[in-house]
Amino acid sequence: MLKQFLIFFMALPLATAFAAVDVNQASEAELDGIKGVGPATSRLIVAERSKSQFKNWEDFRGRIKGVGSKTAAKFSAEGMTVGGATYEGDTADAKTVKK
C-alpha cells in the first residue's frame, strides 16, 4: 500500500507537466513555464489579453509579435492552447505541404 502511494506522488508532477495552458486563462508564471516562452513574451500575452481575449490561434499569432506558424506549433506541442484548442496549422501551410 505504501508503495502505491509513493508511485502516485512520484507520478503526480509528470501529469501536471503535460497539462494544457490556455493563453486566455494562464498567469504570466504559467505562460513563462512553457518552453520557448520567456518573460517578455508572457508579459506581452497578458497585456494583449487584457485588451480582449484571443479568439483563436490566428488571432494569437497576429497579435503576438514573433509568433509564426512554426513557433505556434512548438508552443502547442509544449501544451499551450487558445480557447482550449491546439494549433493545427493554417490553410497556407496545408496547401504548401500538399504540393
PDB file of N, CA and C in Angstrom:
ATOM      1  N   MET A   1       0.820  -1.186   0.000  1.00  0.00           N
ATOM      2  CA  MET A   1       0.000   0.000   0.000  1.00  0.00           C
ATOM      3  C   MET A   1       0.872   1.261   0.000  1.00  0.00           C
ATOM      4  N   LEU A   2       1.893   1.282   0.815  1.00  0.00           N
ATOM      5  CA  LEU A   2       2.805   2.412   0.870  1.00  0.00           C
ATOM      6  C   LEU A   2       3.495   2.611  -0.481  1.00  0.00           C
ATOM      7  N   LYS A   3       3.813   1.512  -1.108  1.00  0.00           N
ATOM      8  CA  LYS A   3       4.462   1.560  -2.425  1.00  0.00           C
ATOM      9  C   LYS A   3       3.552   2.253  -3.451  1.00  0.00           C
ATOM     10  N   GLN A   4       2.260   1.969  -3.410  1.00  0.00           N
ATOM     11  CA  GLN A   4       1.308   2.583  -4.334  1.00  0.00           C
ATOM     12  C   GLN A   4       1.216   4.094  -4.108  1.00  0.00           C
ATOM     13  N   PHE A   5       1.225   4.515  -2.849  1.00  0.00           N
ATOM     14  CA  PHE A   5       1.200   5.953  -2.547  1.00  0.00           C
ATOM     15  C   PHE A   5       2.453   6.639  -3.063  1.00  0.00           C
ATOM     16  N   LEU A   6       3.584   6.014  -2.877  1.00  0.00           N
ATOM     17  CA  LEU A   6       4.843   6.594  -3.349  1.00  0.00           C
ATOM     18  C   LEU A   6       4.852   6.726  -4.867  1.00  0.00           C
ATOM     19  N   ILE A   7       4.384   5.719  -5.552  1.00  0.00           N
ATOM     20  CA  ILE A   7       4.321   5.769  -7.017  1.00  0.00           C
ATOM     21  C   ILE A   7       3.376   6.875  -7.466  1.00  0.00           C
ATOM     22  N   PHE A   8       2.233   7.001  -6.792  1.00  0.00           N
ATOM     23  CA  PHE A   8       1.268   8.045  -7.134  1.00  0.00           C
ATOM     24  C   PHE A   8       1.886   9.431  -6.984  1.00  0.00           C
ATOM     25  N   PHE A   9       2.530   9.682  -5.859  1.00  0.00           N
ATOM     26  CA  PHE A   9       3.106  11.007  -5.619  1.00  0.00           C
ATOM     27  C   PHE A   9       4.319  11.292  -6.500  1.00  0.00           C
ATOM     28  N   MET A  10       4.999  10.258  -6.934  1.00  0.00           N
ATOM     29  CA  MET A  10       6.121  10.456  -7.858  1.00  0.00           C
ATOM     30  C   MET A  10       5.611  10.754  -9.262  1.00  0.00           C
ATOM     31  N   ALA A  11       4.472  10.197  -9.632  1.00  0.00           N
ATOM     32  CA  ALA A  11       3.911  10.401 -10.970  1.00  0.00           C
ATOM     33  C   ALA A  11       3.121  11.696 -11.080  1.00  0.00           C
ATOM     34  N   LEU A  12       2.695  12.274  -9.969  1.00  0.00           N
ATOM     35  CA  LEU A  12       1.886  13.486  -9.982  1.00  0.00           C
ATOM     36  C   LEU A  12       2.546  14.656 -10.715  1.00  0.00           C
ATOM     37  N   PRO A  13       3.820  14.959 -10.490  1.00  0.00           N
ATOM     38  CA  PRO A  13       4.446  16.058 -11.246  1.00  0.00           C
ATOM     39  C   PRO A  13       4.486  15.800 -12.754  1.00  0.00           C
ATOM     40  N   LEU A  14       4.614  14.563 -13.164  1.00  0.00           N
ATOM     41  CA  LEU A  14       4.608  14.249 -14.590  1.00  0.00           C
ATOM     42  C   LEU A  14       3.263  14.560 -15.221  1.00  0.00           C
ATOM     43  N   ALA A  15       2.201  14.282 -14.513  1.00  0.00           N
ATOM     44  CA  ALA A  15       0.856  14.557 -15.035  1.00  0.00           C
ATOM     45  C   ALA A  15       0.623  16.057 -15.166  1.00  0.00           C
ATOM     46  N   THR A  16       1.082  16.823 -14.205  1.00  0.00           N
ATOM     47  CA  THR A  16       0.880  18.271 -14.279  1.00  0.00           C
ATOM     48  C   THR A  16       1.787  18.914 -15.307  1.00  0.00           C
ATOM     49  N   ALA A  17       2.911  18.295 -15.637  1.00  0.00           N
ATOM     50  CA  ALA A  17       3.823  18.855 -16.631  1.00  0.00           C
ATOM     51  C   ALA A  17       3.188  18.871 -18.015  1.00  0.00           C
ATOM     52  N   PHE A  18       2.268  17.954 -18.265  1.00  0.00           N
ATOM     53  CA  PHE A  18       1.636  17.864 -19.574  1.00  0.00           C
ATOM     54  C   PHE A  18       0.248  18.507 -19.600  1.00  0.00           C
ATOM     55  N   ALA A  19      -0.100  19.233 -18.559  1.00  0.00           N
ATOM     56  CA  ALA A  19      -1.393  19.893 -18.514  1.00  0.00           C
ATOM     57  C   ALA A  19      -1.407  21.060 -19.500  1.00  0.00           C
ATOM     58  N   ALA A  20      -2.535  21.252 -20.144  1.00  0.00           N
ATOM     59  CA  ALA A  20      -2.673  22.333 -21.115  1.00  0.00           C
ATOM     60  C   ALA A  20      -2.699  23.681 -20.396  1.00  0.00           C
ATOM     61  N   VAL A  21      -2.078  24.658 -21.031  1.00  0.00           N
ATOM     62  CA  VAL A  21      -2.044  26.025 -20.515  1.00  0.00           C
ATOM     63  C   VAL A  21      -2.746  26.903 -21.544  1.00  0.00           C
ATOM     64  N   ASP A  22      -3.934  27.403 -21.191  1.00  0.00           N
ATOM     65  CA  ASP A  22      -4.683  28.233 -22.123  1.00  0.00           C
ATOM     66  C   ASP A  22      -4.254  29.688 -21.979  1.00  0.00           C
ATOM     67  N   VAL A  23      -3.927  30.333 -23.100  1.00  0.00           N
ATOM     68  CA  VAL A  23      -3.437  31.712 -23.072  1.00  0.00           C
ATOM     69  C   VAL A  23      -4.486  32.685 -22.541  1.00  0.00           C
ATOM     70  N   ASN A  24      -5.749  32.336 -22.607  1.00  0.00           N
ATOM     71  CA  ASN A  24      -6.802  33.221 -22.113  1.00  0.00           C
ATOM     72  C   ASN A  24      -7.040  33.075 -20.611  1.00  0.00           C
ATOM     73  N   GLN A  25      -6.407  32.102 -19.984  1.00  0.00           N
ATOM     74  CA  GLN A  25      -6.624  31.837 -18.557  1.00  0.00           C
ATOM     75  C   GLN A  25      -5.329  31.899 -17.739  1.00  0.00           C
ATOM     76  N   ALA A  26      -4.198  31.620 -18.349  1.00  0.00           N
ATOM     77  CA  ALA A  26      -2.943  31.415 -17.625  1.00  0.00           C
ATOM     78  C   ALA A  26      -2.342  32.701 -17.076  1.00  0.00           C
ATOM     79  N   SER A  27      -1.628  32.552 -15.966  1.00  0.00           N
ATOM     80  CA  SER A  27      -0.885  33.667 -15.388  1.00  0.00           C
ATOM     81  C   SER A  27       0.432  33.829 -16.154  1.00  0.00           C
ATOM     82  N   GLU A  28       1.135  34.924 -15.887  1.00  0.00           N
ATOM     83  CA  GLU A  28       2.447  35.122 -16.514  1.00  0.00           C
ATOM     84  C   GLU A  28       3.377  33.973 -16.159  1.00  0.00           C
ATOM     85  N   ALA A  29       3.350  33.541 -14.913  1.00  0.00           N
ATOM     86  CA  ALA A  29       4.231  32.461 -14.469  1.00  0.00           C
ATOM     87  C   ALA A  29       3.922  31.159 -15.207  1.00  0.00           C
ATOM     88  N   GLU A  30       2.649  30.853 -15.397  1.00  0.00           N
ATOM     89  CA  GLU A  30       2.272  29.630 -16.116  1.00  0.00           C
ATOM     90  C   GLU A  30       2.716  29.713 -17.580  1.00  0.00           C
ATOM     91  N   LEU A  31       2.539  30.876 -18.194  1.00  0.00           N
ATOM     92  CA  LEU A  31       2.972  31.043 -19.583  1.00  0.00           C
ATOM     93  C   LEU A  31       4.484  30.938 -19.689  1.00  0.00           C
ATOM     94  N   ASP A  32       5.194  31.542 -18.737  1.00  0.00           N
ATOM     95  CA  ASP A  32       6.651  31.508 -18.730  1.00  0.00           C
ATOM     96  C   ASP A  32       7.178  30.087 -18.536  1.00  0.00           C
ATOM     97  N   GLY A  33       6.358  29.219 -17.972  1.00  0.00           N
ATOM     98  CA  GLY A  33       6.748  27.824 -17.766  1.00  0.00           C
ATOM     99  C   GLY A  33       6.724  26.993 -19.039  1.00  0.00           C
ATOM    100  N   ILE A  34       6.169  27.527 -20.100  1.00  0.00           N
ATOM    101  CA  ILE A  34       6.140  26.820 -21.383  1.00  0.00           C
ATOM    102  C   ILE A  34       7.482  27.021 -22.073  1.00  0.00           C
ATOM    103  N   LYS A  35       8.081  25.944 -22.498  1.00  0.00           N
ATOM    104  CA  LYS A  35       9.373  26.014 -23.172  1.00  0.00           C
ATOM    105  C   LYS A  35       9.265  26.913 -24.408  1.00  0.00           C
ATOM    106  N   GLY A  36      10.145  27.912 -24.476  1.00  0.00           N
ATOM    107  CA  GLY A  36      10.148  28.831 -25.600  1.00  0.00           C
ATOM    108  C   GLY A  36       9.476  30.160 -25.309  1.00  0.00           C
ATOM    109  N   VAL A  37       8.692  30.209 -24.234  1.00  0.00           N
ATOM    110  CA  VAL A  37       8.022  31.456 -23.841  1.00  0.00           C
ATOM    111  C   VAL A  37       8.833  32.072 -22.704  1.00  0.00           C
ATOM    112  N   GLY A  38       9.375  33.238 -22.949  1.00  0.00           N
ATOM    113  CA  GLY A  38      10.149  33.927 -21.928  1.00  0.00           C
ATOM    114  C   GLY A  38       9.316  34.978 -21.229  1.00  0.00           C
ATOM    115  N   PRO A  39       9.924  35.690 -20.284  1.00  0.00           N
ATOM    116  CA  PRO A  39       9.202  36.714 -19.527  1.00  0.00           C
ATOM    117  C   PRO A  39       8.611  37.820 -20.407  1.00  0.00           C
ATOM    118  N   ALA A  40       9.350  38.253 -21.417  1.00  0.00           N
ATOM    119  CA  ALA A  40       8.846  39.328 -22.280  1.00  0.00           C
ATOM    120  C   ALA A  40       7.616  38.870 -23.060  1.00  0.00           C
ATOM    121  N   THR A  41       7.650  37.659 -23.578  1.00  0.00           N
ATOM    122  CA  THR A  41       6.513  37.129 -24.339  1.00  0.00           C
ATOM    123  C   THR A  41       5.313  36.906 -23.429  1.00  0.00           C
ATOM    124  N   SER A  42       5.542  36.378 -22.247  1.00  0.00           N
ATOM    125  CA  SER A  42       4.414  36.150 -21.336  1.00  0.00           C
ATOM    126  C   SER A  42       3.778  37.472 -20.919  1.00  0.00           C
ATOM    127  N   ARG A  43       4.590  38.530 -20.704  1.00  0.00           N
ATOM    128  CA  ARG A  43       4.029  39.850 -20.377  1.00  0.00           C
ATOM    129  C   ARG A  43       3.209  40.385 -21.549  1.00  0.00           C
ATOM    130  N   LEU A  44       3.719  40.202 -22.777  1.00  0.00           N
ATOM    131  CA  LEU A  44       3.003  40.660 -23.967  1.00  0.00           C
ATOM    132  C   LEU A  44       1.672  39.931 -24.124  1.00  0.00           C
ATOM    133  N   ILE A  45       1.673  38.632 -23.887  1.00  0.00           N
ATOM    134  CA  ILE A  45       0.441  37.842 -23.983  1.00  0.00           C
ATOM    135  C   ILE A  45      -0.592  38.352 -22.992  1.00  0.00           C
ATOM    136  N   VAL A  46      -0.178  38.568 -21.746  1.00  0.00           N
ATOM    137  CA  VAL A  46      -1.111  39.045 -20.720  1.00  0.00           C
ATOM    138  C   VAL A  46      -1.604  40.448 -21.053  1.00  0.00           C
ATOM    139  N   ALA A  47      -0.718  41.310 -21.552  1.00  0.00           N
ATOM    140  CA  ALA A  47      -1.122  42.675 -21.922  1.00  0.00           C
ATOM    141  C   ALA A  47      -2.134  42.661 -23.063  1.00  0.00           C
ATOM    142  N   GLU A  48      -1.881  41.851 -24.087  1.00  0.00           N
ATOM    143  CA  GLU A  48      -2.815  41.758 -25.222  1.00  0.00           C
ATOM    144  C   GLU A  48      -4.138  41.145 -24.790  1.00  0.00           C
ATOM    145  N   ARG A  49      -4.070  40.165 -23.924  1.00  0.00           N
ATOM    146  CA  ARG A  49      -5.276  39.503 -23.436  1.00  0.00           C
ATOM    147  C   ARG A  49      -6.143  40.456 -22.635  1.00  0.00           C
ATOM    148  N   SER A  50      -5.510  41.430 -21.948  1.00  0.00           N
ATOM    149  CA  SER A  50      -6.288  42.392 -21.158  1.00  0.00           C
ATOM    150  C   SER A  50      -7.123  43.301 -22.065  1.00  0.00           C
ATOM    151  N   LYS A  51      -6.700  43.484 -23.314  1.00  0.00           N
ATOM    152  CA  LYS A  51      -7.472  44.264 -24.284  1.00  0.00           C
ATOM    153  C   LYS A  51      -8.697  43.473 -24.736  1.00  0.00           C
ATOM    154  N   SER A  52      -8.473  42.216 -25.064  1.00  0.00           N
ATOM    155  CA  SER A  52      -9.549  41.272 -25.398  1.00  0.00           C
ATOM    156  C   SER A  52      -8.948  39.880 -25.478  1.00  0.00           C
ATOM    157  N   GLN A  53      -9.750  38.886 -25.154  1.00  0.00           N
ATOM    158  CA  GLN A  53      -9.252  37.516 -25.195  1.00  0.00           C
ATOM    159  C   GLN A  53      -8.927  37.126 -26.628  1.00  0.00           C
ATOM    160  N   PHE A  54      -8.037  36.152 -26.765  1.00  0.00           N
ATOM    161  CA  PHE A  54      -7.668  35.641 -28.078  1.00  0.00           C
ATOM    162  C   PHE A  54      -8.787  34.739 -28.589  1.00  0.00           C
ATOM    163  N   LYS A  55      -9.211  34.975 -29.816  1.00  0.00           N
ATOM    164  CA  LYS A  55     -10.314  34.207 -30.399  1.00  0.00           C
ATOM    165  C   LYS A  55      -9.868  32.822 -30.846  1.00  0.00           C
ATOM    166  N   ASN A  56      -8.683  32.764 -31.438  1.00  0.00           N
ATOM    167  CA  ASN A  56      -8.156  31.511 -31.990  1.00  0.00           C
ATOM    168  C   ASN A  56      -6.657  31.682 -32.202  1.00  0.00           C
ATOM    169  N   TRP A  57      -6.023  30.661 -32.757  1.00  0.00           N
ATOM    170  CA  TRP A  57      -4.572  30.723 -32.975  1.00  0.00           C
ATOM    171  C   TRP A  57      -4.196  31.810 -33.980  1.00  0.00           C
ATOM    172  N   GLU A  58      -5.015  32.024 -34.981  1.00  0.00           N
ATOM    173  CA  GLU A  58      -4.724  33.068 -35.971  1.00  0.00           C
ATOM    174  C   GLU A  58      -4.709  34.444 -35.301  1.00  0.00           C
ATOM    175  N   ASP A  59      -5.681  34.694 -34.443  1.00  0.00           N
ATOM    176  CA  ASP A  59      -5.733  35.941 -33.693  1.00  0.00           C
ATOM    177  C   ASP A  59      -4.498  36.067 -32.794  1.00  0.00           C
ATOM    178  N   PHE A  60      -4.147  34.999 -32.122  1.00  0.00           N
ATOM    179  CA  PHE A  60      -2.968  34.982 -31.246  1.00  0.00           C
ATOM    180  C   PHE A  60      -1.701  35.297 -32.041  1.00  0.00           C
ATOM    181  N   ARG A  61      -1.518  34.629 -33.160  1.00  0.00           N
ATOM    182  CA  ARG A  61      -0.325  34.847 -33.988  1.00  0.00           C
ATOM    183  C   ARG A  61      -0.269  36.275 -34.515  1.00  0.00           C
ATOM    184  N   GLY A  62      -1.406  36.847 -34.842  1.00  0.00           N
ATOM    185  CA  GLY A  62      -1.438  38.208 -35.366  1.00  0.00           C
ATOM    186  C   GLY A  62      -1.136  39.269 -34.315  1.00  0.00           C
ATOM    187  N   ARG A  63      -1.449  38.981 -33.072  1.00  0.00           N
ATOM    188  CA  ARG A  63      -1.282  39.972 -32.008  1.00  0.00           C
ATOM    189  C   ARG A  63       0.007  39.820 -31.217  1.00  0.00           C
ATOM    190  N   ILE A  64       0.647  38.661 -31.287  1.00  0.00           N
ATOM    191  CA  ILE A  64       1.878  38.437 -30.535  1.00  0.00           C
ATOM    192  C   ILE A  64       3.058  38.425 -31.511  1.00  0.00           C
ATOM    193  N   LYS A  65       3.855  39.497 -31.442  1.00  0.00           N
ATOM    194  CA  LYS A  65       4.986  39.672 -32.351  1.00  0.00           C
ATOM    195  C   LYS A  65       5.967  38.506 -32.227  1.00  0.00           C
ATOM    196  N   GLY A  66       6.396  37.998 -33.374  1.00  0.00           N
ATOM    197  CA  GLY A  66       7.390  36.935 -33.409  1.00  0.00           C
ATOM    198  C   GLY A  66       6.828  35.534 -33.383  1.00  0.00           C
ATOM    199  N   VAL A  67       5.513  35.402 -33.310  1.00  0.00           N
ATOM    200  CA  VAL A  67       4.909  34.063 -33.285  1.00  0.00           C
ATOM    201  C   VAL A  67       4.317  33.770 -34.655  1.00  0.00           C
ATOM    202  N   GLY A  68       5.008  32.924 -35.395  1.00  0.00           N
ATOM    203  CA  GLY A  68       4.521  32.465 -36.684  1.00  0.00           C
ATOM    204  C   GLY A  68       4.006  31.045 -36.553  1.00  0.00           C
ATOM    205  N   SER A  69       3.825  30.384 -37.672  1.00  0.00           N
ATOM    206  CA  SER A  69       3.252  29.031 -37.628  1.00  0.00           C
ATOM    207  C   SER A  69       4.194  28.028 -36.958  1.00  0.00           C
ATOM    208  N   LYS A  70       5.498  28.151 -37.179  1.00  0.00           N
ATOM    209  CA  LYS A  70       6.440  27.203 -36.555  1.00  0.00           C
ATOM    210  C   LYS A  70       6.469  27.389 -35.040  1.00  0.00           C
ATOM    211  N   THR A  71       6.514  28.641 -34.605  1.00  0.00           N
ATOM    212  CA  THR A  71       6.537  28.908 -33.164  1.00  0.00           C
ATOM    213  C   THR A  71       5.230  28.491 -32.524  1.00  0.00           C
ATOM    214  N   ALA A  72       4.114  28.758 -33.190  1.00  0.00           N
ATOM    215  CA  ALA A  72       2.809  28.351 -32.664  1.00  0.00           C
ATOM    216  C   ALA A  72       2.745  26.835 -32.521  1.00  0.00           C
ATOM    217  N   ALA A  73       3.282  26.117 -33.491  1.00  0.00           N
ATOM    218  CA  ALA A  73       3.293  24.652 -33.424  1.00  0.00           C
ATOM    219  C   ALA A  73       4.145  24.174 -32.248  1.00  0.00           C
ATOM    220  N   LYS A  74       5.275  24.840 -32.014  1.00  0.00           N
ATOM    221  CA  LYS A  74       6.135  24.469 -30.874  1.00  0.00           C
ATOM    222  C   LYS A  74       5.423  24.743 -29.553  1.00  0.00           C
ATOM    223  N   PHE A  75       4.805  25.927 -29.439  1.00  0.00           N
ATOM    224  CA  PHE A  75       4.085  26.256 -28.212  1.00  0.00           C
ATOM    225  C   PHE A  75       2.967  25.251 -27.960  1.00  0.00           C
ATOM    226  N   SER A  76       2.249  24.891 -29.003  1.00  0.00           N
ATOM    227  CA  SER A  76       1.149  23.938 -28.875  1.00  0.00           C
ATOM    228  C   SER A  76       1.671  22.571 -28.429  1.00  0.00           C
ATOM    229  N   ALA A  77       2.799  22.164 -28.997  1.00  0.00           N
ATOM    230  CA  ALA A  77       3.402  20.881 -28.615  1.00  0.00           C
ATOM    231  C   ALA A  77       3.830  20.885 -27.145  1.00  0.00           C
ATOM    232  N   GLU A  78       4.143  22.055 -26.619  1.00  0.00           N
ATOM    233  CA  GLU A  78       4.541  22.179 -25.219  1.00  0.00           C
ATOM    234  C   GLU A  78       3.343  22.303 -24.278  1.00  0.00           C
ATOM    235  N   GLY A  79       2.124  22.357 -24.835  1.00  0.00           N
ATOM    236  CA  GLY A  79       0.918  22.364 -24.002  1.00  0.00           C
ATOM    237  C   GLY A  79       0.102  23.636 -24.060  1.00  0.00           C
ATOM    238  N   MET A  80       0.502  24.613 -24.868  1.00  0.00           N
ATOM    239  CA  MET A  80      -0.262  25.852 -24.967  1.00  0.00           C
ATOM    240  C   MET A  80      -1.498  25.639 -25.820  1.00  0.00           C
ATOM    241  N   THR A  81      -2.614  26.220 -25.387  1.00  0.00           N
ATOM    242  CA  THR A  81      -3.845  26.198 -26.168  1.00  0.00           C
ATOM    243  C   THR A  81      -4.413  27.609 -26.251  1.00  0.00           C
ATOM    244  N   VAL A  82      -5.255  27.837 -27.222  1.00  0.00           N
ATOM    245  CA  VAL A  82      -6.004  29.092 -27.340  1.00  0.00           C
ATOM    246  C   VAL A  82      -7.470  28.706 -27.338  1.00  0.00           C
ATOM    247  N   GLY A  83      -8.161  29.092 -26.297  1.00  0.00           N
ATOM    248  CA  GLY A  83      -9.568  28.708 -26.155  1.00  0.00           C
ATOM    249  C   GLY A  83      -9.738  27.199 -26.063  1.00  0.00           C
ATOM    250  N   GLY A  84      -8.730  26.521 -25.522  1.00  0.00           N
ATOM    251  CA  GLY A  84      -8.780  25.069 -25.383  1.00  0.00           C
ATOM    252  C   GLY A  84      -8.362  24.295 -26.617  1.00  0.00           C
ATOM    253  N   ALA A  85      -8.046  25.006 -27.707  1.00  0.00           N
ATOM    254  CA  ALA A  85      -7.682  24.338 -28.962  1.00  0.00           C
ATOM    255  C   ALA A  85      -6.173  24.318 -29.156  1.00  0.00           C
ATOM    256  N   THR A  86      -5.678  23.199 -29.659  1.00  0.00           N
ATOM    257  CA  THR A  86      -4.271  23.109 -30.021  1.00  0.00           C
ATOM    258  C   THR A  86      -4.071  23.705 -31.408  1.00  0.00           C
ATOM    259  N   TYR A  87      -2.841  23.996 -31.743  1.00  0.00           N
ATOM    260  CA  TYR A  87      -2.553  24.585 -33.050  1.00  0.00           C
ATOM    261  C   TYR A  87      -2.559  23.496 -34.114  1.00  0.00           C
ATOM    262  N   GLU A  88      -3.325  23.716 -35.152  1.00  0.00           N
ATOM    263  CA  GLU A  88      -3.454  22.747 -36.238  1.00  0.00           C
ATOM    264  C   GLU A  88      -2.771  23.224 -37.513  1.00  0.00           C
ATOM    265  N   GLY A  89      -2.133  24.365 -37.477  1.00  0.00           N
ATOM    266  CA  GLY A  89      -1.537  24.931 -38.676  1.00  0.00           C
ATOM    267  C   GLY A  89      -2.573  25.757 -39.411  1.00  0.00           C
ATOM    268  N   ASP A  90      -2.115  26.516 -40.379  1.00  0.00           N
ATOM    269  CA  ASP A  90      -3.066  27.321 -41.145  1.00  0.00           C
ATOM    270  C   ASP A  90      -3.244  26.746 -42.542  1.00  0.00           C
ATOM    271  N   THR A  91      -4.201  27.260 -43.252  1.00  0.00           N
ATOM    272  CA  THR A  91      -4.517  26.716 -44.572  1.00  0.00           C
ATOM    273  C   THR A  91      -3.392  26.944 -45.576  1.00  0.00           C
ATOM    274  N   ALA A  92      -2.621  28.022 -45.416  1.00  0.00           N
ATOM    275  CA  ALA A  92      -1.498  28.276 -46.324  1.00  0.00           C
ATOM    276  C   ALA A  92      -0.443  27.195 -46.155  1.00  0.00           C
ATOM    277  N   ASP A  93      -0.183  26.798 -44.890  1.00  0.00           N
ATOM    278  CA  ASP A  93       0.782  25.726 -44.646  1.00  0.00           C
ATOM    279  C   ASP A  93       0.294  24.407 -45.235  1.00  0.00           C
ATOM    280  N   ALA A  94      -0.979  24.117 -45.086  1.00  0.00           N
ATOM    281  CA  ALA A  94      -1.538  22.865 -45.605  1.00  0.00           C
ATOM    282  C   ALA A  94      -1.426  22.811 -47.135  1.00  0.00           C
ATOM    283  N   LYS A  95      -1.655  23.922 -47.810  1.00  0.00           N
ATOM    284  CA  LYS A  95      -1.550  23.951 -49.261  1.00  0.00           C
ATOM    285  C   LYS A  95      -0.121  23.733 -49.712  1.00  0.00           C
ATOM    286  N   THR A  96       0.831  24.289 -48.962  1.00  0.00           N
ATOM    287  CA  THR A  96       2.228  24.134 -49.304  1.00  0.00           C
ATOM    288  C   THR A  96       2.653  22.669 -49.169  1.00  0.00           C
ATOM    289  N   VAL A  97       2.193  22.013 -48.126  1.00  0.00           N
ATOM    290  CA  VAL A  97       2.560  20.631 -47.887  1.00  0.00           C
ATOM    291  C   VAL A  97       1.993  19.715 -48.956  1.00  0.00           C
ATOM    292  N   LYS A  98       0.800  19.979 -49.437  1.00  0.00           N
ATOM    293  CA  LYS A  98       0.144  19.110 -50.422  1.00  0.00           C
ATOM    294  C   LYS A  98       0.796  19.158 -51.785  1.00  0.00           C
ATOM    295  N   LYS A  99       1.477  20.231 -52.116  1.00  0.00           N
ATOM    296  CA  LYS A  99       2.068  20.365 -53.457  1.00  0.00           C
ATOM    297  C   LYS A  99       3.165  19.379 -53.700  1.00  0.00           C
TER     298      LYS A  99
END
